[in-house]
N, C-alpha and C. Protein backbone atom coordinates (compact mmCIF):
# COMPACT_ATOMS: atom_id res chain seq x y z
N MET A 1 107.12 132.36 118.18
CA MET A 1 107.00 131.04 117.63
C MET A 1 108.21 130.71 116.75
N ILE A 2 108.66 131.67 115.99
CA ILE A 2 109.82 131.44 115.14
C ILE A 2 111.06 131.19 116.00
N SER A 3 111.16 131.90 117.11
CA SER A 3 112.33 131.72 117.98
C SER A 3 112.34 130.31 118.59
N GLU A 4 111.15 129.73 118.87
CA GLU A 4 111.09 128.36 119.38
C GLU A 4 111.62 127.37 118.34
N GLN A 5 111.27 127.60 117.09
CA GLN A 5 111.73 126.72 116.03
C GLN A 5 113.25 126.84 115.87
N ARG A 6 113.76 128.03 115.93
CA ARG A 6 115.21 128.23 115.82
C ARG A 6 115.93 127.57 116.98
N ALA A 7 115.37 127.68 118.17
CA ALA A 7 115.99 127.06 119.34
C ALA A 7 116.01 125.54 119.18
N THR A 8 114.92 124.98 118.66
CA THR A 8 114.87 123.53 118.43
C THR A 8 115.90 123.12 117.40
N ASP A 9 116.02 123.89 116.31
CA ASP A 9 117.01 123.59 115.28
C ASP A 9 118.42 123.66 115.83
N GLU A 10 118.68 124.62 116.69
CA GLU A 10 120.01 124.76 117.27
C GLU A 10 120.34 123.59 118.19
N GLU A 11 119.32 123.07 118.88
CA GLU A 11 119.54 121.93 119.76
C GLU A 11 119.92 120.68 118.97
N LYS A 12 119.36 120.54 117.79
CA LYS A 12 119.62 119.36 116.96
C LYS A 12 120.97 119.43 116.27
N GLY A 13 121.55 120.59 116.19
CA GLY A 13 122.86 120.73 115.56
C GLY A 13 122.74 121.24 114.13
N SER A 14 123.83 121.12 113.40
CA SER A 14 123.89 121.69 112.06
C SER A 14 122.97 120.99 111.07
N SER A 15 122.69 119.69 111.28
CA SER A 15 121.84 118.98 110.33
C SER A 15 120.36 119.20 110.58
N SER A 16 120.00 119.77 111.72
CA SER A 16 118.60 120.04 112.09
C SER A 16 117.73 118.80 112.02
N GLY A 17 118.31 117.64 112.24
CA GLY A 17 117.53 116.41 112.25
C GLY A 17 117.25 115.85 110.87
N ARG A 18 117.76 116.46 109.85
CA ARG A 18 117.53 115.98 108.48
C ARG A 18 118.65 115.03 108.08
N PRO A 19 118.34 114.07 107.19
CA PRO A 19 119.40 113.17 106.73
C PRO A 19 120.49 113.92 105.98
N VAL A 20 121.70 113.47 106.12
CA VAL A 20 122.84 114.14 105.51
C VAL A 20 122.86 113.91 104.00
N SER A 21 122.58 112.69 103.57
CA SER A 21 122.65 112.40 102.15
C SER A 21 121.44 111.59 101.71
N HIS A 22 121.32 111.42 100.41
CA HIS A 22 120.22 110.67 99.82
C HIS A 22 120.81 109.50 99.06
N ASP A 23 120.43 108.29 99.43
CA ASP A 23 120.92 107.09 98.76
C ASP A 23 119.91 106.70 97.68
N ALA A 24 120.23 107.00 96.43
CA ALA A 24 119.30 106.75 95.32
C ALA A 24 119.02 105.27 95.14
N GLY A 25 120.02 104.42 95.33
CA GLY A 25 119.82 102.98 95.17
C GLY A 25 118.87 102.42 96.21
N LEU A 26 119.05 102.84 97.46
CA LEU A 26 118.17 102.40 98.53
C LEU A 26 116.75 102.88 98.30
N TYR A 27 116.60 104.12 97.85
CA TYR A 27 115.28 104.66 97.57
C TYR A 27 114.60 103.87 96.46
N LYS A 28 115.34 103.49 95.43
CA LYS A 28 114.78 102.73 94.30
C LYS A 28 114.28 101.37 94.78
N GLU A 29 115.07 100.69 95.62
CA GLU A 29 114.66 99.39 96.14
C GLU A 29 113.43 99.51 97.03
N ARG A 30 113.40 100.52 97.87
CA ARG A 30 112.25 100.72 98.75
C ARG A 30 111.00 101.01 97.94
N ASN A 31 111.13 101.82 96.90
CA ASN A 31 110.00 102.15 96.05
C ASN A 31 109.47 100.90 95.35
N THR A 32 110.36 100.03 94.90
CA THR A 32 109.95 98.79 94.25
C THR A 32 109.15 97.91 95.20
N VAL A 33 109.62 97.78 96.42
CA VAL A 33 108.93 96.96 97.42
C VAL A 33 107.56 97.57 97.75
N GLU A 34 107.50 98.88 97.93
CA GLU A 34 106.22 99.52 98.25
C GLU A 34 105.22 99.36 97.12
N ARG A 35 105.66 99.45 95.87
CA ARG A 35 104.76 99.27 94.73
C ARG A 35 104.24 97.84 94.67
N LEU A 36 105.10 96.86 94.97
CA LEU A 36 104.66 95.47 94.97
C LEU A 36 103.62 95.24 96.06
N ILE A 37 103.85 95.79 97.24
CA ILE A 37 102.88 95.63 98.33
C ILE A 37 101.54 96.26 97.94
N ASP A 38 101.58 97.41 97.28
CA ASP A 38 100.34 98.05 96.82
C ASP A 38 99.62 97.18 95.80
N ARG A 39 100.39 96.53 94.91
CA ARG A 39 99.76 95.65 93.92
C ARG A 39 99.17 94.42 94.58
N LEU A 40 99.81 93.92 95.62
CA LEU A 40 99.24 92.79 96.35
C LEU A 40 97.95 93.19 97.06
N LYS A 41 97.96 94.35 97.67
CA LYS A 41 96.79 94.82 98.41
C LYS A 41 95.64 95.20 97.49
N ALA A 42 95.92 95.42 96.22
CA ALA A 42 94.85 95.77 95.29
C ALA A 42 93.88 94.60 95.10
N TRP A 43 94.31 93.41 95.44
CA TRP A 43 93.46 92.25 95.37
C TRP A 43 92.62 92.20 96.64
N ARG A 44 91.32 92.22 96.50
CA ARG A 44 90.42 92.40 97.63
C ARG A 44 90.58 91.35 98.73
N GLY A 45 90.81 90.12 98.35
CA GLY A 45 90.95 89.06 99.35
C GLY A 45 92.13 89.27 100.27
N ILE A 46 93.18 89.87 99.76
CA ILE A 46 94.36 90.13 100.59
C ILE A 46 94.17 91.40 101.40
N ALA A 47 93.61 92.41 100.76
CA ALA A 47 93.46 93.70 101.43
C ALA A 47 92.51 93.61 102.62
N THR A 48 91.45 92.81 102.49
CA THR A 48 90.46 92.73 103.57
C THR A 48 90.68 91.56 104.50
N ARG A 49 91.60 90.67 104.14
CA ARG A 49 91.92 89.50 104.97
C ARG A 49 90.69 88.64 105.27
N TYR A 50 89.94 88.30 104.21
CA TYR A 50 88.77 87.45 104.40
C TYR A 50 89.14 86.06 104.89
N ASP A 51 90.31 85.59 104.50
CA ASP A 51 90.73 84.25 104.90
C ASP A 51 91.17 84.27 106.36
N LYS A 52 90.44 83.58 107.18
CA LYS A 52 90.76 83.56 108.61
C LYS A 52 91.90 82.60 108.91
N ASN A 53 92.05 81.59 108.08
CA ASN A 53 93.11 80.61 108.27
C ASN A 53 94.42 81.16 107.71
N PRO A 54 95.48 81.19 108.50
CA PRO A 54 96.76 81.73 108.00
C PRO A 54 97.28 81.01 106.76
N ASP A 55 97.03 79.71 106.68
CA ASP A 55 97.50 78.96 105.51
C ASP A 55 96.78 79.41 104.24
N SER A 56 95.48 79.63 104.32
CA SER A 56 94.76 80.06 103.12
C SER A 56 95.11 81.51 102.76
N TYR A 57 95.38 82.34 103.75
CA TYR A 57 95.79 83.71 103.47
C TYR A 57 97.17 83.71 102.78
N PHE A 58 98.07 82.87 103.29
CA PHE A 58 99.40 82.76 102.71
C PHE A 58 99.31 82.21 101.27
N ALA A 59 98.40 81.27 101.05
CA ALA A 59 98.19 80.74 99.71
C ALA A 59 97.67 81.83 98.78
N GLY A 60 96.79 82.70 99.30
CA GLY A 60 96.30 83.82 98.51
C GLY A 60 97.42 84.79 98.13
N LEU A 61 98.33 85.03 99.06
CA LEU A 61 99.49 85.87 98.75
C LEU A 61 100.33 85.26 97.64
N HIS A 62 100.54 83.95 97.73
CA HIS A 62 101.31 83.26 96.69
C HIS A 62 100.60 83.33 95.34
N LEU A 63 99.31 83.13 95.35
CA LEU A 63 98.53 83.19 94.11
C LEU A 63 98.63 84.57 93.48
N ARG A 64 98.40 85.59 94.27
CA ARG A 64 98.47 86.96 93.73
C ARG A 64 99.87 87.31 93.26
N ALA A 65 100.89 86.92 94.00
CA ALA A 65 102.27 87.19 93.58
C ALA A 65 102.58 86.47 92.27
N SER A 66 102.06 85.24 92.12
CA SER A 66 102.26 84.51 90.87
C SER A 66 101.56 85.21 89.71
N MET A 67 100.37 85.73 89.96
CA MET A 67 99.64 86.45 88.91
C MET A 67 100.41 87.69 88.47
N ILE A 68 100.95 88.41 89.42
CA ILE A 68 101.74 89.61 89.11
C ILE A 68 102.99 89.23 88.34
N TRP A 69 103.65 88.16 88.78
CA TRP A 69 104.89 87.72 88.13
C TRP A 69 104.63 87.30 86.69
N ILE A 70 103.56 86.52 86.45
CA ILE A 70 103.24 86.08 85.09
C ILE A 70 102.89 87.27 84.21
N LYS A 71 102.16 88.22 84.75
CA LYS A 71 101.81 89.41 83.97
C LYS A 71 103.07 90.18 83.57
N GLU A 72 104.02 90.30 84.50
CA GLU A 72 105.27 90.98 84.19
C GLU A 72 106.09 90.23 83.13
N LEU A 73 106.07 88.89 83.22
CA LEU A 73 106.80 88.10 82.23
C LEU A 73 106.22 88.27 80.84
N THR A 74 104.90 88.29 80.73
CA THR A 74 104.28 88.46 79.42
C THR A 74 104.48 89.88 78.90
N ARG A 75 104.56 90.84 79.79
CA ARG A 75 104.79 92.22 79.37
C ARG A 75 106.21 92.39 78.83
N ILE A 76 107.16 91.73 79.46
CA ILE A 76 108.56 91.85 79.05
C ILE A 76 108.82 91.16 77.72
N THR A 77 108.19 90.01 77.48
CA THR A 77 108.47 89.25 76.26
C THR A 77 107.83 89.86 75.02
N HIS A 78 106.83 90.68 75.17
CA HIS A 78 106.18 91.29 74.00
C HIS A 78 106.80 92.57 73.64
């Protein structure tokens, strides 16, 4: 079994299929976006998609994003 893994690694070359470098800035941006999506989904109406009409669902996204934005603004000013 170990020899199969070594053979697979050799086929992939010296990097063994792993990324060569880590872009810290890109990771930070991706993490920010993922956290925002999690905060949006924490609101039950968005997570479960109760709104069948796309316009009302989109309005719910706007409402929740506004709530998050206002909360962040009040947190920063205090």
